[in-house]
């Protein structure tokens, strides 16, 4: 899934208008993308328009108690994964970049 920022938003200075962003996952209906600084943060989905709505076949999809959606590739789909990543735990960092680099390569081949 590829999205682009609809319009400049002073609250999200780490995103560029019309820049395509690869969605890494969905958490509580928000998109997790690599921002302009290369950090995998969550952003409200309503900030973006869809460029390519195809979702990876390996995403694990779950629905929360309030109907919110969670979707990640299996290696990233465990409670606390991103906390470990941001705490720079080596295993989480390696796993994240292995998964994301494969996804970025695949997206580049399609483009």
N, C-alpha and C. Protein backbone atom coordinates (compact mmCIF):
# COMPACT_ATOMS: atom_id res chain seq x y z
N UNK A 1 0.86 -1.16 0.00
CA UNK A 1 0.00 0.00 0.00
C UNK A 1 0.91 1.23 0.00
N UNK A 2 0.60 2.15 -0.88
CA UNK A 2 1.38 3.38 -1.00
C UNK A 2 0.42 4.57 -0.88
N UNK A 3 0.83 5.55 -0.09
CA UNK A 3 0.00 6.73 0.14
C UNK A 3 0.82 7.99 -0.10
N UNK A 4 0.11 9.11 -0.19
CA UNK A 4 0.81 10.40 -0.25
C UNK A 4 0.07 11.39 0.63
N UNK A 5 0.84 12.31 1.20
CA UNK A 5 0.28 13.34 2.07
C UNK A 5 -0.58 14.28 1.23
N UNK A 6 -1.81 14.53 1.67
CA UNK A 6 -2.74 15.36 0.91
C UNK A 6 -2.32 16.83 0.89
N UNK A 7 -1.98 17.36 2.07
CA UNK A 7 -1.59 18.77 2.15
C UNK A 7 -0.65 18.96 3.33
N UNK A 8 0.13 20.02 3.27
CA UNK A 8 1.08 20.33 4.33
C UNK A 8 0.33 20.47 5.65
N UNK A 9 0.95 19.92 6.69
CA UNK A 9 0.34 19.98 8.01
C UNK A 9 1.43 20.37 9.01
N UNK A 10 1.30 21.52 9.68
CA UNK A 10 2.35 21.97 10.59
C UNK A 10 2.59 21.01 11.75
N UNK A 11 1.63 20.19 12.05
CA UNK A 11 1.79 19.20 13.12
C UNK A 11 2.71 18.05 12.70
N UNK A 12 2.84 17.84 11.39
CA UNK A 12 3.63 16.72 10.87
C UNK A 12 4.68 17.25 9.89
N UNK A 13 5.67 17.95 10.41
CA UNK A 13 6.70 18.56 9.58
C UNK A 13 7.66 17.54 8.99
N UNK A 14 7.57 16.31 9.45
CA UNK A 14 8.47 15.25 8.97
C UNK A 14 7.90 14.50 7.78
N UNK A 15 6.86 15.08 7.15
CA UNK A 15 6.25 14.51 5.94
C UNK A 15 6.22 15.57 4.85
N UNK A 16 6.33 15.14 3.60
CA UNK A 16 6.36 16.03 2.45
C UNK A 16 5.12 15.82 1.59
N UNK A 17 4.51 16.91 1.18
CA UNK A 17 3.32 16.85 0.33
C UNK A 17 3.67 16.15 -0.98
N UNK A 18 2.79 15.29 -1.42
CA UNK A 18 2.87 14.53 -2.68
C UNK A 18 4.01 13.51 -2.73
N UNK A 19 4.72 13.35 -1.65
CA UNK A 19 5.77 12.33 -1.57
C UNK A 19 5.10 10.97 -1.35
N UNK A 20 5.43 9.97 -2.16
CA UNK A 20 4.85 8.64 -1.90
C UNK A 20 5.51 7.99 -0.68
N UNK A 21 4.68 7.38 0.14
CA UNK A 21 5.15 6.68 1.33
C UNK A 21 4.60 5.26 1.33
N UNK A 22 5.45 4.31 1.62
CA UNK A 22 5.06 2.92 1.73
C UNK A 22 4.49 2.69 3.13
N UNK A 23 3.29 2.12 3.20
CA UNK A 23 2.69 1.79 4.49
C UNK A 23 3.31 0.49 4.97
N UNK A 24 3.94 0.55 6.13
CA UNK A 24 4.58 -0.63 6.73
C UNK A 24 3.56 -1.47 7.46
N UNK A 25 2.57 -0.81 8.04
CA UNK A 25 1.53 -1.50 8.78
C UNK A 25 0.44 -0.53 9.18
N UNK A 26 -0.58 -1.08 9.78
CA UNK A 26 -1.71 -0.28 10.27
C UNK A 26 -1.89 -0.62 11.74
N UNK A 27 -2.00 0.44 12.55
CA UNK A 27 -2.14 0.24 13.99
C UNK A 27 -3.23 1.15 14.51
N UNK A 28 -4.31 0.54 15.01
CA UNK A 28 -5.47 1.30 15.49
C UNK A 28 -5.95 2.25 14.39
N UNK A 29 -5.95 1.76 13.16
CA UNK A 29 -6.38 2.47 11.95
C UNK A 29 -5.41 3.54 11.47
N UNK A 30 -4.33 3.81 12.19
CA UNK A 30 -3.30 4.76 11.73
C UNK A 30 -2.30 4.02 10.85
N UNK A 31 -1.67 4.76 9.95
CA UNK A 31 -0.65 4.18 9.07
C UNK A 31 0.73 4.32 9.72
N UNK A 32 1.49 3.24 9.71
CA UNK A 32 2.89 3.33 10.11
C UNK A 32 3.70 3.43 8.83
N UNK A 33 4.41 4.55 8.69
CA UNK A 33 5.23 4.78 7.50
C UNK A 33 6.61 5.26 7.93
N UNK A 34 7.56 5.15 7.01
CA UNK A 34 8.86 5.77 7.23
C UNK A 34 8.72 7.23 6.86
N UNK A 35 8.95 8.12 7.82
CA UNK A 35 8.84 9.54 7.53
C UNK A 35 10.11 10.02 6.80
N UNK A 36 10.19 11.31 6.58
CA UNK A 36 11.32 11.86 5.83
C UNK A 36 12.66 11.67 6.54
N UNK A 37 12.62 11.43 7.85
CA UNK A 37 13.85 11.18 8.61
C UNK A 37 14.16 9.68 8.68
N UNK A 38 13.32 8.86 8.02
CA UNK A 38 13.55 7.42 8.01
C UNK A 38 13.11 6.72 9.28
N UNK A 39 12.20 7.34 10.02
CA UNK A 39 11.70 6.76 11.27
C UNK A 39 10.29 6.21 11.04
N UNK A 40 9.99 5.03 11.58
CA UNK A 40 8.68 4.39 11.36
C UNK A 40 7.63 4.85 12.37
N UNK A 41 7.04 5.99 12.11
CA UNK A 41 6.06 6.54 13.04
C UNK A 41 4.63 6.30 12.55
N UNK A 42 3.70 6.46 13.47
CA UNK A 42 2.27 6.34 13.16
C UNK A 42 1.70 7.71 12.81
N UNK A 43 0.84 7.72 11.80
CA UNK A 43 0.18 8.95 11.36
C UNK A 43 -1.28 8.66 11.08
N UNK A 44 -2.16 9.62 11.35
CA UNK A 44 -3.59 9.41 11.06
C UNK A 44 -3.80 9.16 9.57
N UNK A 45 -4.59 8.16 9.27
CA UNK A 45 -4.81 7.79 7.87
C UNK A 45 -5.49 8.89 7.07
N UNK A 46 -6.26 9.76 7.72
CA UNK A 46 -6.96 10.81 6.98
C UNK A 46 -6.04 11.89 6.42
N UNK A 47 -4.74 11.86 6.79
CA UNK A 47 -3.77 12.80 6.22
C UNK A 47 -3.38 12.43 4.80
N UNK A 48 -3.70 11.20 4.40
CA UNK A 48 -3.16 10.65 3.16
C UNK A 48 -4.25 10.29 2.16
N UNK A 49 -3.85 10.30 0.90
CA UNK A 49 -4.68 9.71 -0.14
C UNK A 49 -3.94 8.46 -0.65
N UNK A 50 -4.70 7.50 -1.09
CA UNK A 50 -4.12 6.25 -1.58
C UNK A 50 -3.60 6.41 -3.00
N UNK A 51 -2.39 5.96 -3.21
CA UNK A 51 -1.83 5.87 -4.56
C UNK A 51 -2.01 4.45 -5.07
N UNK A 52 -1.74 3.49 -4.19
CA UNK A 52 -1.85 2.07 -4.52
C UNK A 52 -2.43 1.37 -3.30
N UNK A 53 -3.65 0.86 -3.41
CA UNK A 53 -4.31 0.27 -2.25
C UNK A 53 -4.03 -1.22 -2.07
N UNK A 54 -3.14 -1.79 -2.88
CA UNK A 54 -2.82 -3.21 -2.73
C UNK A 54 -2.05 -3.42 -1.44
N UNK A 55 -2.55 -4.37 -0.64
CA UNK A 55 -1.90 -4.69 0.62
C UNK A 55 -1.10 -5.97 0.46
N UNK A 56 0.03 -6.07 1.16
CA UNK A 56 0.83 -7.28 1.08
C UNK A 56 0.05 -8.50 1.56
N UNK A 57 0.24 -9.60 0.90
CA UNK A 57 -0.48 -10.83 1.25
C UNK A 57 -0.02 -11.42 2.58
N UNK A 58 1.14 -10.99 3.07
CA UNK A 58 1.65 -11.55 4.33
C UNK A 58 1.26 -10.75 5.56
N UNK A 59 0.42 -9.74 5.40
CA UNK A 59 -0.02 -8.99 6.58
C UNK A 59 -0.95 -9.86 7.42
N UNK A 60 -0.77 -9.79 8.72
CA UNK A 60 -1.68 -10.42 9.67
C UNK A 60 -2.68 -9.35 10.07
N UNK A 61 -3.96 -9.61 9.82
CA UNK A 61 -5.00 -8.62 10.09
C UNK A 61 -5.77 -8.99 11.36
N UNK A 62 -5.95 -8.00 12.22
CA UNK A 62 -6.71 -8.19 13.45
C UNK A 62 -7.62 -6.98 13.64
N UNK A 63 -8.72 -7.22 14.30
CA UNK A 63 -9.66 -6.14 14.62
C UNK A 63 -9.72 -6.02 16.13
N UNK A 64 -9.54 -4.80 16.64
CA UNK A 64 -9.55 -4.55 18.08
C UNK A 64 -10.97 -4.53 18.63
N UNK A 65 -11.07 -4.37 19.93
CA UNK A 65 -12.36 -4.40 20.62
C UNK A 65 -13.30 -3.29 20.16
N UNK A 66 -12.75 -2.18 19.70
CA UNK A 66 -13.58 -1.06 19.24
C UNK A 66 -13.69 -1.01 17.72
N UNK A 67 -13.32 -2.10 17.04
CA UNK A 67 -13.43 -2.17 15.59
C UNK A 67 -12.24 -1.60 14.86
N UNK A 68 -11.19 -1.18 15.57
CA UNK A 68 -10.01 -0.62 14.93
C UNK A 68 -9.17 -1.75 14.33
N UNK A 69 -8.46 -1.41 13.29
CA UNK A 69 -7.70 -2.40 12.54
C UNK A 69 -6.22 -2.37 12.89
N UNK A 70 -5.63 -3.56 12.93
CA UNK A 70 -4.20 -3.76 13.13
C UNK A 70 -3.72 -4.71 12.04
N UNK A 71 -2.72 -4.31 11.28
CA UNK A 71 -2.19 -5.15 10.20
C UNK A 71 -0.69 -4.92 10.09
N UNK A 72 0.05 -6.01 10.20
CA UNK A 72 1.50 -5.96 10.06
C UNK A 72 1.98 -7.26 9.44
N UNK A 73 3.16 -7.24 8.83
CA UNK A 73 3.79 -8.50 8.44
C UNK A 73 4.06 -9.30 9.73
N UNK A 74 3.98 -10.60 9.63
CA UNK A 74 4.13 -11.46 10.80
C UNK A 74 5.34 -11.12 11.67
N UNK A 75 6.53 -10.89 11.11
CA UNK A 75 7.69 -10.62 11.98
C UNK A 75 7.56 -9.34 12.82
N UNK A 76 6.71 -8.42 12.39
CA UNK A 76 6.52 -7.16 13.13
C UNK A 76 5.26 -7.18 13.98
N UNK A 77 4.53 -8.27 13.91
CA UNK A 77 3.20 -8.34 14.52
C UNK A 77 3.24 -9.02 15.89
N UNK A 78 3.94 -8.41 16.82
CA UNK A 78 3.91 -8.92 18.19
C UNK A 78 3.84 -7.73 19.14
N UNK A 79 3.11 -7.89 20.23
CA UNK A 79 3.04 -6.79 21.20
C UNK A 79 4.44 -6.38 21.65
N UNK A 80 4.67 -5.08 21.66
CA UNK A 80 5.94 -4.56 22.12
C UNK A 80 7.03 -4.49 21.07
N UNK A 81 6.74 -4.94 19.84
CA UNK A 81 7.79 -4.94 18.82
C UNK A 81 8.37 -3.54 18.62
N UNK A 82 7.52 -2.55 18.40
CA UNK A 82 8.03 -1.21 18.10
C UNK A 82 8.63 -0.53 19.33
N UNK A 83 8.19 -0.89 20.51
CA UNK A 83 8.86 -0.40 21.72
C UNK A 83 10.30 -0.92 21.73
N UNK A 84 10.46 -2.21 21.41
CA UNK A 84 11.82 -2.78 21.33
C UNK A 84 12.63 -2.10 20.24
N UNK A 85 12.01 -1.83 19.10
CA UNK A 85 12.71 -1.16 18.01
C UNK A 85 13.21 0.22 18.46
N UNK A 86 12.32 1.01 19.06
CA UNK A 86 12.71 2.36 19.47
C UNK A 86 13.67 2.35 20.67
N UNK A 87 13.66 1.26 21.42
CA UNK A 87 14.66 1.09 22.48
C UNK A 87 15.97 0.55 21.92
N UNK A 88 16.03 0.40 20.63
CA UNK A 88 17.21 -0.05 19.87
C UNK A 88 17.70 -1.43 20.29
N UNK A 89 16.74 -2.30 20.57
CA UNK A 89 17.11 -3.69 20.85
C UNK A 89 17.50 -4.33 19.52
N UNK A 90 18.69 -4.91 19.50
CA UNK A 90 19.31 -5.36 18.24
C UNK A 90 18.42 -6.28 17.43
N UNK A 91 17.78 -7.22 18.06
CA UNK A 91 16.95 -8.19 17.31
C UNK A 91 15.79 -7.49 16.62
N UNK A 92 15.12 -6.58 17.32
CA UNK A 92 14.00 -5.85 16.73
C UNK A 92 14.47 -4.96 15.59
N UNK A 93 15.59 -4.29 15.77
CA UNK A 93 16.13 -3.41 14.72
C UNK A 93 16.47 -4.23 13.48
N UNK A 94 17.16 -5.34 13.65
CA UNK A 94 17.51 -6.21 12.50
C UNK A 94 16.25 -6.72 11.79
N UNK A 95 15.31 -7.20 12.57
CA UNK A 95 14.07 -7.72 11.99
C UNK A 95 13.33 -6.64 11.22
N UNK A 96 13.20 -5.47 11.81
CA UNK A 96 12.50 -4.37 11.16
C UNK A 96 13.11 -4.04 9.80
N UNK A 97 14.42 -3.81 9.78
CA UNK A 97 15.06 -3.39 8.53
C UNK A 97 15.08 -4.50 7.50
N UNK A 98 15.16 -5.74 7.92
CA UNK A 98 15.09 -6.86 6.98
C UNK A 98 13.72 -6.87 6.28
N UNK A 99 12.65 -6.75 7.07
CA UNK A 99 11.28 -6.76 6.53
C UNK A 99 11.05 -5.53 5.65
N UNK A 100 11.41 -4.36 6.14
CA UNK A 100 11.14 -3.12 5.41
C UNK A 100 11.98 -3.04 4.12
N UNK A 101 13.22 -3.43 4.18
CA UNK A 101 14.05 -3.39 2.96
C UNK A 101 13.49 -4.32 1.89
N UNK A 102 13.01 -5.48 2.27
CA UNK A 102 12.37 -6.37 1.28
C UNK A 102 11.13 -5.72 0.68
N UNK A 103 10.34 -5.07 1.54
CA UNK A 103 9.11 -4.43 1.06
C UNK A 103 9.44 -3.27 0.14
N UNK A 104 10.44 -2.47 0.50
CA UNK A 104 10.83 -1.34 -0.35
C UNK A 104 11.36 -1.82 -1.70
N UNK A 105 12.14 -2.89 -1.68
CA UNK A 105 12.65 -3.45 -2.93
C UNK A 105 11.51 -3.93 -3.81
N UNK A 106 10.57 -4.62 -3.22
CA UNK A 106 9.41 -5.11 -3.99
C UNK A 106 8.59 -3.96 -4.55
N UNK A 107 8.41 -2.90 -3.76
CA UNK A 107 7.65 -1.74 -4.23
C UNK A 107 8.36 -1.06 -5.38
N UNK A 108 9.68 -0.99 -5.33
CA UNK A 108 10.46 -0.39 -6.41
C UNK A 108 10.39 -1.18 -7.70
N UNK A 109 10.26 -2.49 -7.58
CA UNK A 109 10.16 -3.34 -8.76
C UNK A 109 8.82 -3.19 -9.46
N UNK A 110 7.77 -2.86 -8.67
CA UNK A 110 6.43 -2.69 -9.22
C UNK A 110 6.30 -1.34 -9.90
N UNK A 111 6.97 -0.32 -9.34
CA UNK A 111 6.82 1.06 -9.83
C UNK A 111 7.29 1.25 -11.25
